[in-house]
C-alpha cells in the first residue's frame, strides 16, 4: 500500500471538475489521498471586481474559489475522502510535472486553452503527459462533464516494443484487477510495403482491420508473441484478452478505446532530451481516443 496521492490539476473549468470526480473515484479505488493542485499565472483582469469588493488580491480570491469548489466536489463525490489542496503561483505545466515526482498518478481534464475544437488537446495536458514522472491520465471520450463508473467493462493496453517488465503493463494490470474487469492487450503490426502489393485494402471487424492475406503471417505471429510476453506475469484469475491487429498503432488503439473504460500506453525517455517525449502513437491517442488515456512513463 502507498501513501502517494492522486494529483488533479484544477483550473475552475468544467472539464477539470470532471477530472476531480474521476480522480476521486480512482483514489477511493486505490485507498489513497486526493490532492487538488491549482497552478497558473492567471490573467490579472479576471476576478478583479470580486477581489476589489473583498479587499483582497485577485490571485487569492481566484485560488480560494477554484480549490474550494474542487474540494467540495471531491468530498461530495466521495464522502470521507482524504483531500488536500495546493496553490502554486506558476505555470501549470511546471507545477504539475513537479507534483508528479511524489504522486501515484496525475489526472487532467481535456481542455484546449483556445477552445477552437473539442478534438484538440490542451497544451498543459500534452506537456505534462510528456514530462511527468508518474502515470498521467487525460480524460477523453465524454463531453457532458460527467464522470461515470466504467460502463464498457474492460481496460485496454497498447503493447509496446519492449513489453517485458513494462511499467504500462503493470499499471494496466493493476487497473483491471482493481476494477474487476478484463484486460485487453493489443499489439498493432504492419507488413512491409513490398508484402502489401496486390492485396486490397483491409475491411473492418469490430472497428479493427481484418487481415488482408497470408504473407503477413510472420508479422502477425511476432505481434502475438509480444502480447504473450506482456501478459506472462498477469495474476492468476485475471481475464486477459489478446489481440494482434494489422494497421497503424494509433488507429488500432483508437479503435480499441471505443470498447474500453481506460486505454493505457507507455512513453519512453529519449537520451539527451528533457523528460519524456511523446511519440506519434501516444500523441495521437491523447487527441482522438474515445475513453480516458493513461500515459505511463517507462523509466530506465
Protein backbone atom coordinates (compact mmCIF):
# COMPACT_ATOMS: atom_id res chain seq x y z
CA UNK A 1 0.00 0.00 0.00
CA UNK A 2 1.21 3.52 -0.81
CA UNK A 3 0.59 6.94 0.73
CA UNK A 4 1.29 8.74 -2.54
CA UNK A 5 -1.72 10.79 -3.65
CA UNK A 6 -3.66 11.01 -6.87
CA UNK A 7 -3.00 14.58 -8.06
CA UNK A 8 -5.58 16.53 -10.06
CA UNK A 9 -4.84 19.71 -11.95
CA UNK A 10 -7.76 22.10 -11.40
CA UNK A 11 -8.42 25.46 -13.03
CA UNK A 12 -12.10 26.13 -12.33
CA UNK A 13 -13.31 24.77 -15.68
CA UNK A 14 -15.96 22.08 -16.01
CA UNK A 15 -13.51 19.63 -17.61
CA UNK A 16 -11.20 20.00 -14.61
CA UNK A 17 -14.11 19.38 -12.23
CA UNK A 18 -14.96 16.24 -14.17
CA UNK A 19 -11.33 15.23 -13.65
CA UNK A 20 -11.86 15.76 -9.90
CA UNK A 21 -14.80 13.33 -9.99
CA UNK A 22 -12.81 10.73 -11.91
CA UNK A 23 -9.75 11.10 -9.68
CA UNK A 24 -11.86 10.88 -6.52
CA UNK A 25 -13.18 7.53 -7.71
CA UNK A 26 -9.66 6.38 -8.56
CA UNK A 27 -8.32 7.46 -5.16
CA UNK A 28 -11.13 5.57 -3.43
CA UNK A 29 -10.40 2.51 -5.58
CA UNK A 30 -6.76 2.57 -4.51
CA UNK A 31 -7.39 3.81 -0.93
CA UNK A 32 -5.01 6.76 -1.35
CA UNK A 33 -5.32 10.53 -0.71
CA UNK A 34 -6.51 13.03 -3.30
CA UNK A 35 -4.52 16.21 -3.91
CA UNK A 36 -6.04 19.16 -5.81
CA UNK A 37 -3.49 21.50 -7.39
CA UNK A 38 -4.30 24.93 -8.78
CA UNK A 39 -1.32 26.39 -10.62
CA UNK A 40 -1.27 29.20 -13.13
CA UNK A 41 -0.12 32.71 -13.78
CA UNK A 42 -3.71 33.86 -14.23
CA UNK A 43 -4.69 36.94 -16.14
CA UNK A 44 -4.85 39.81 -13.63
CA UNK A 45 -8.01 41.19 -15.20
CA UNK A 46 -10.39 38.33 -14.48
CA UNK A 47 -11.75 38.38 -10.97
CA UNK A 48 -10.66 41.95 -10.29
CA UNK A 49 -14.13 43.14 -9.34
CA UNK A 50 -14.67 40.38 -6.78
CA UNK A 51 -11.23 40.99 -5.32
CA UNK A 52 -11.94 44.71 -5.02
CA UNK A 53 -15.18 44.03 -3.16
CA UNK A 54 -13.40 41.72 -0.72
CA UNK A 55 -10.36 43.96 -0.45
CA UNK A 56 -8.05 41.02 -1.22
CA UNK A 57 -5.60 40.27 -4.06
CA UNK A 58 -7.13 38.91 -7.28
CA UNK A 59 -4.95 35.79 -7.24
CA UNK A 60 -6.01 34.93 -3.69
CA UNK A 61 -9.72 35.28 -4.48
CA UNK A 62 -9.48 33.16 -7.62
CA UNK A 63 -7.35 30.49 -5.97
CA UNK A 64 -9.68 30.12 -2.99
CA UNK A 65 -12.68 29.89 -5.28
CA UNK A 66 -11.09 27.30 -7.58
CA UNK A 67 -9.67 24.97 -4.92
CA UNK A 68 -12.70 25.43 -2.66
CA UNK A 69 -15.12 24.42 -5.40
CA UNK A 70 -12.96 21.47 -6.38
CA UNK A 71 -12.66 20.29 -2.79
CA UNK A 72 -16.42 20.47 -2.25
CA UNK A 73 -16.93 18.48 -5.44
CA UNK A 74 -14.50 15.75 -4.36
CA UNK A 75 -15.96 15.46 -0.87
CA UNK A 76 -19.48 15.32 -2.26
CA UNK A 77 -18.40 12.61 -4.69
CA UNK A 78 -16.55 10.58 -2.06
CA UNK A 79 -17.60 11.49 1.50
CA UNK A 80 -14.80 10.80 3.94
CA UNK A 81 -12.08 11.09 1.32
CA UNK A 82 -8.74 12.49 2.44
CA UNK A 83 -8.39 15.65 0.33
CA UNK A 84 -5.62 18.24 0.36
CA UNK A 85 -5.18 21.33 -1.80
CA UNK A 86 -2.23 23.35 -3.07
CA UNK A 87 -1.93 26.69 -4.87
CA UNK A 88 1.17 27.27 -7.00
CA UNK A 89 1.82 30.76 -8.45
CA UNK A 90 3.40 29.43 -11.64
CA UNK A 91 2.54 27.87 -14.98
CA UNK A 92 0.56 24.63 -14.52
CA UNK A 93 2.88 22.62 -16.77
CA UNK A 94 5.84 23.13 -14.44
CA UNK A 95 3.88 22.78 -11.22
CA UNK A 96 2.19 19.52 -12.24
CA UNK A 97 5.39 17.93 -13.52
CA UNK A 98 6.98 18.80 -10.18
CA UNK A 99 3.98 17.35 -8.32
CA UNK A 100 4.33 14.16 -10.35
CA UNK A 101 7.58 13.35 -8.53
CA UNK A 102 5.61 12.47 -5.40
CA UNK A 103 2.31 11.33 -6.93
CA UNK A 104 0.81 7.96 -7.74
CA UNK A 105 -0.77 9.50 -10.84
CA UNK A 106 -1.78 12.87 -12.23
CA UNK A 107 -5.29 13.34 -13.63
CA UNK A 108 -6.20 16.11 -16.08
CA UNK A 109 -9.34 17.20 -17.87
CA UNK A 110 -9.23 17.55 -21.63
CA UNK A 111 -9.38 21.25 -22.37
CA UNK A 112 -7.69 23.40 -25.01
CA UNK A 113 -6.99 26.97 -23.98
CA UNK A 114 -8.24 28.39 -27.28
CA UNK A 115 -11.44 26.34 -27.33
CA UNK A 116 -11.13 26.01 -31.12
CA UNK A 117 -12.30 22.40 -31.23
CA UNK A 118 -13.10 19.61 -28.80
CA UNK A 119 -10.72 17.29 -30.65
CA UNK A 120 -7.71 19.48 -29.89
CA UNK A 121 -5.90 18.73 -26.66
CA UNK A 122 -4.74 21.50 -24.37
CA UNK A 123 -1.04 22.24 -24.24
CA UNK A 124 -0.98 21.62 -20.47
CA UNK A 125 -2.11 18.01 -20.90
CA UNK A 126 0.37 17.30 -23.69
CA UNK A 127 3.29 18.83 -21.80
CA UNK A 128 2.52 17.11 -18.50
CA UNK A 129 1.91 13.74 -20.19
CA UNK A 130 5.22 14.13 -22.00
CA UNK A 131 7.35 15.01 -18.97
CA UNK A 132 5.74 13.57 -15.83
CA UNK A 133 7.46 11.09 -13.52
CA UNK A 134 4.28 9.08 -12.90
CA UNK A 135 1.30 7.97 -14.99
CA UNK A 136 -0.81 10.81 -16.38
CA UNK A 137 -4.49 10.17 -17.08
CA UNK A 138 -6.15 12.55 -19.52
CA UNK A 139 -9.92 12.33 -19.65
CA UNK A 140 -11.21 11.72 -23.13
CA UNK A 141 -14.45 10.43 -24.56
CA UNK A 142 -17.17 12.33 -22.64
CA UNK A 143 -18.21 15.88 -23.38
CA UNK A 144 -21.03 16.42 -20.89
CA UNK A 145 -18.65 16.99 -17.96
CA UNK A 146 -19.89 13.94 -16.10
CA UNK A 147 -17.54 11.29 -14.68
CA UNK A 148 -19.04 7.84 -14.87
CA UNK A 149 -18.18 4.48 -13.44
CA UNK A 150 -16.89 2.02 -16.02
CA UNK A 151 -19.59 1.12 -18.50
CA UNK A 152 -17.65 -0.80 -21.13
CA UNK A 153 -16.14 -3.31 -18.75
CA UNK A 154 -12.50 -3.51 -19.77
CA UNK A 155 -9.08 -1.89 -19.64
CA UNK A 156 -7.18 -1.74 -22.93
CA UNK A 157 -3.39 -1.86 -23.08
CA UNK A 158 -1.26 -0.86 -26.03
CA UNK A 159 1.63 -3.36 -26.06
CA UNK A 160 4.86 -1.59 -26.96
CA UNK A 161 8.19 -2.66 -28.45
CA UNK A 162 9.63 -3.89 -25.14
CA UNK A 163 6.75 -5.40 -23.17
CA UNK A 164 8.85 -7.35 -20.65
CA UNK A 165 8.80 -5.54 -17.31
CA UNK A 166 6.87 -2.65 -18.81
CA UNK A 167 5.50 -0.06 -16.38
CA UNK A 168 2.50 0.38 -18.68
CA UNK A 169 1.73 -3.34 -18.44
CA UNK A 170 1.93 -3.24 -14.63
CA UNK A 171 -0.30 -0.16 -14.44
CA UNK A 172 -2.90 -1.62 -16.81
CA UNK A 173 -2.91 -4.90 -14.91
CA UNK A 174 -3.42 -3.12 -11.58
CA UNK A 175 -6.30 -1.12 -13.00
CA UNK A 176 -8.02 -4.20 -14.41
CA UNK A 177 -7.64 -6.08 -11.10
CA UNK A 178 -8.89 -3.13 -9.02
CA UNK A 179 -11.87 -2.60 -11.29
CA UNK A 180 -12.61 -6.31 -11.60
CA UNK A 181 -12.72 -6.16 -15.40
CA UNK A 182 -10.89 -7.94 -18.24
CA UNK A 183 -7.57 -6.64 -19.57
CA UNK A 184 -7.33 -6.49 -23.36
CA UNK A 185 -3.72 -6.36 -24.57
CA UNK A 186 -3.47 -5.01 -28.11
CA UNK A 187 -0.41 -5.07 -30.35
CA UNK A 188 -0.54 -3.44 -33.78
CA UNK A 189 1.58 -4.75 -36.63
CA UNK A 190 2.21 -3.83 -40.24
CA UNK A 191 3.64 -5.83 -43.07
CA UNK A 192 6.50 -4.34 -45.10
CA UNK A 193 5.44 -2.28 -48.10
CA UNK A 194 6.51 -4.97 -50.58
CA UNK A 195 4.28 -7.52 -48.84
CA UNK A 196 1.15 -5.46 -49.40
CA UNK A 197 1.42 -5.23 -53.18
CA UNK A 198 -1.51 -6.82 -54.91
CA UNK A 199 -3.71 -7.01 -51.83
CA UNK A 200 -6.89 -4.96 -51.47
CA UNK A 201 -7.21 -2.58 -48.52
CA UNK A 202 -8.48 -4.26 -45.32
CA UNK A 203 -12.09 -4.07 -44.26
CA UNK A 204 -13.08 -3.78 -40.60
CA UNK A 205 -14.49 -6.03 -37.90
CA UNK A 206 -15.46 -4.53 -34.52
CA UNK A 207 -13.50 -1.47 -35.55
CA UNK A 208 -10.32 -3.47 -36.18
CA UNK A 209 -8.79 -4.01 -39.64
CA UNK A 210 -9.27 -7.54 -40.99
CA UNK A 211 -6.17 -9.39 -42.15
CA UNK A 212 -5.55 -8.95 -45.87
CA UNK A 213 -3.61 -12.09 -46.76
CA UNK A 214 -1.28 -14.93 -45.78
CA UNK A 215 2.07 -13.16 -46.50
CA UNK A 216 1.52 -11.27 -43.26
CA UNK A 217 1.55 -14.42 -41.12
CA UNK A 218 5.09 -13.91 -39.80
CA UNK A 219 4.45 -10.33 -38.68
CA UNK A 220 1.16 -11.28 -37.07
CA UNK A 221 2.88 -14.08 -35.16
CA UNK A 222 5.60 -11.74 -33.89
CA UNK A 223 2.92 -9.35 -32.66
CA UNK A 224 1.15 -12.22 -30.92
CA UNK A 225 4.39 -13.23 -29.22
CA UNK A 226 4.86 -9.67 -27.93
CA UNK A 227 1.35 -9.78 -26.45
CA UNK A 228 2.09 -13.11 -24.76
CA UNK A 229 5.32 -11.72 -23.33
CA UNK A 230 3.45 -8.68 -21.95
CA UNK A 231 0.93 -10.92 -20.20
CA UNK A 232 3.31 -13.56 -18.86
CA UNK A 233 3.20 -12.15 -15.30
CA UNK A 234 -0.52 -11.41 -15.28
CA UNK A 235 -2.05 -12.53 -11.99
CA UNK A 236 -3.98 -15.75 -11.90
CA UNK A 237 -7.69 -15.20 -12.20
CA UNK A 238 -7.43 -12.04 -14.30
CA UNK A 239 -9.45 -12.30 -17.50
CA UNK A 240 -6.92 -11.41 -20.21
CA UNK A 241 -7.76 -10.95 -23.87
CA UNK A 242 -5.23 -10.83 -26.66
CA UNK A 243 -5.34 -9.00 -29.96
CA UNK A 244 -2.67 -8.78 -32.68
CA UNK A 245 -4.15 -6.35 -35.18
CA UNK A 246 -2.90 -5.20 -38.55
CA UNK A 247 -2.78 -1.45 -39.00
CA UNK A 248 -1.19 1.76 -37.76
CA UNK A 249 -0.74 1.56 -33.98
CA UNK A 250 -2.54 4.85 -33.41
CA UNK A 251 -5.59 3.78 -35.39
CA UNK A 252 -5.69 0.33 -33.82
CA UNK A 253 -5.58 1.76 -30.28
CA UNK A 254 -8.17 4.43 -31.03
CA UNK A 255 -10.46 1.65 -32.27
CA UNK A 256 -9.82 -0.32 -29.06
CA UNK A 257 -10.70 2.76 -26.97
CA UNK A 258 -14.31 2.59 -28.13
CA UNK A 259 -14.77 -0.59 -26.12
CA UNK A 260 -12.69 0.36 -23.06
CA UNK A 261 -13.07 2.42 -19.90
CA UNK A 262 -9.34 3.20 -19.87
CA UNK A 263 -6.62 2.97 -22.52
CA UNK A 264 -3.05 2.56 -21.24
CA UNK A 265 0.04 3.37 -23.33
CA UNK A 266 3.71 3.66 -22.44
CA UNK A 267 6.13 6.52 -23.12
CA UNK A 268 9.90 6.07 -23.14
CA UNK A 269 12.65 8.57 -22.33
CA UNK A 270 14.86 9.65 -25.21
CA UNK A 271 18.55 10.09 -24.35
CA UNK A 272 19.64 13.69 -24.46
CA UNK A 273 16.12 15.06 -24.08
CA UNK A 274 14.44 16.51 -21.02
CA UNK A 275 11.81 14.20 -19.52
CA UNK A 276 9.51 12.15 -21.69
CA UNK A 277 8.91 12.95 -25.32
CA UNK A 278 5.57 11.71 -26.58
CA UNK A 279 5.76 9.67 -29.75
CA UNK A 280 3.18 9.83 -32.51
CA UNK A 281 1.15 6.96 -31.10
CA UNK A 282 0.73 8.43 -27.60
CA UNK A 283 0.14 11.88 -29.04
CA UNK A 284 -2.47 10.52 -31.43
CA UNK A 285 -4.49 8.61 -28.84
CA UNK A 286 -4.42 11.58 -26.47
CA UNK A 287 -6.11 13.62 -29.18
CA UNK A 288 -8.61 11.09 -30.51
CA UNK A 289 -9.32 8.26 -28.04
CA UNK A 290 -12.92 7.59 -27.02
CA UNK A 291 -12.08 6.96 -23.35
CA UNK A 292 -9.63 8.26 -20.73
CA UNK A 293 -5.99 7.66 -21.67
CA UNK A 294 -3.20 6.81 -19.21
CA UNK A 295 0.30 7.66 -20.42
CA UNK A 296 2.78 5.69 -18.31
CA UNK A 297 6.48 6.64 -18.25
CA UNK A 298 8.86 3.78 -18.95
CA UNK A 299 11.75 4.87 -16.77
CA UNK A 300 15.24 3.37 -17.20
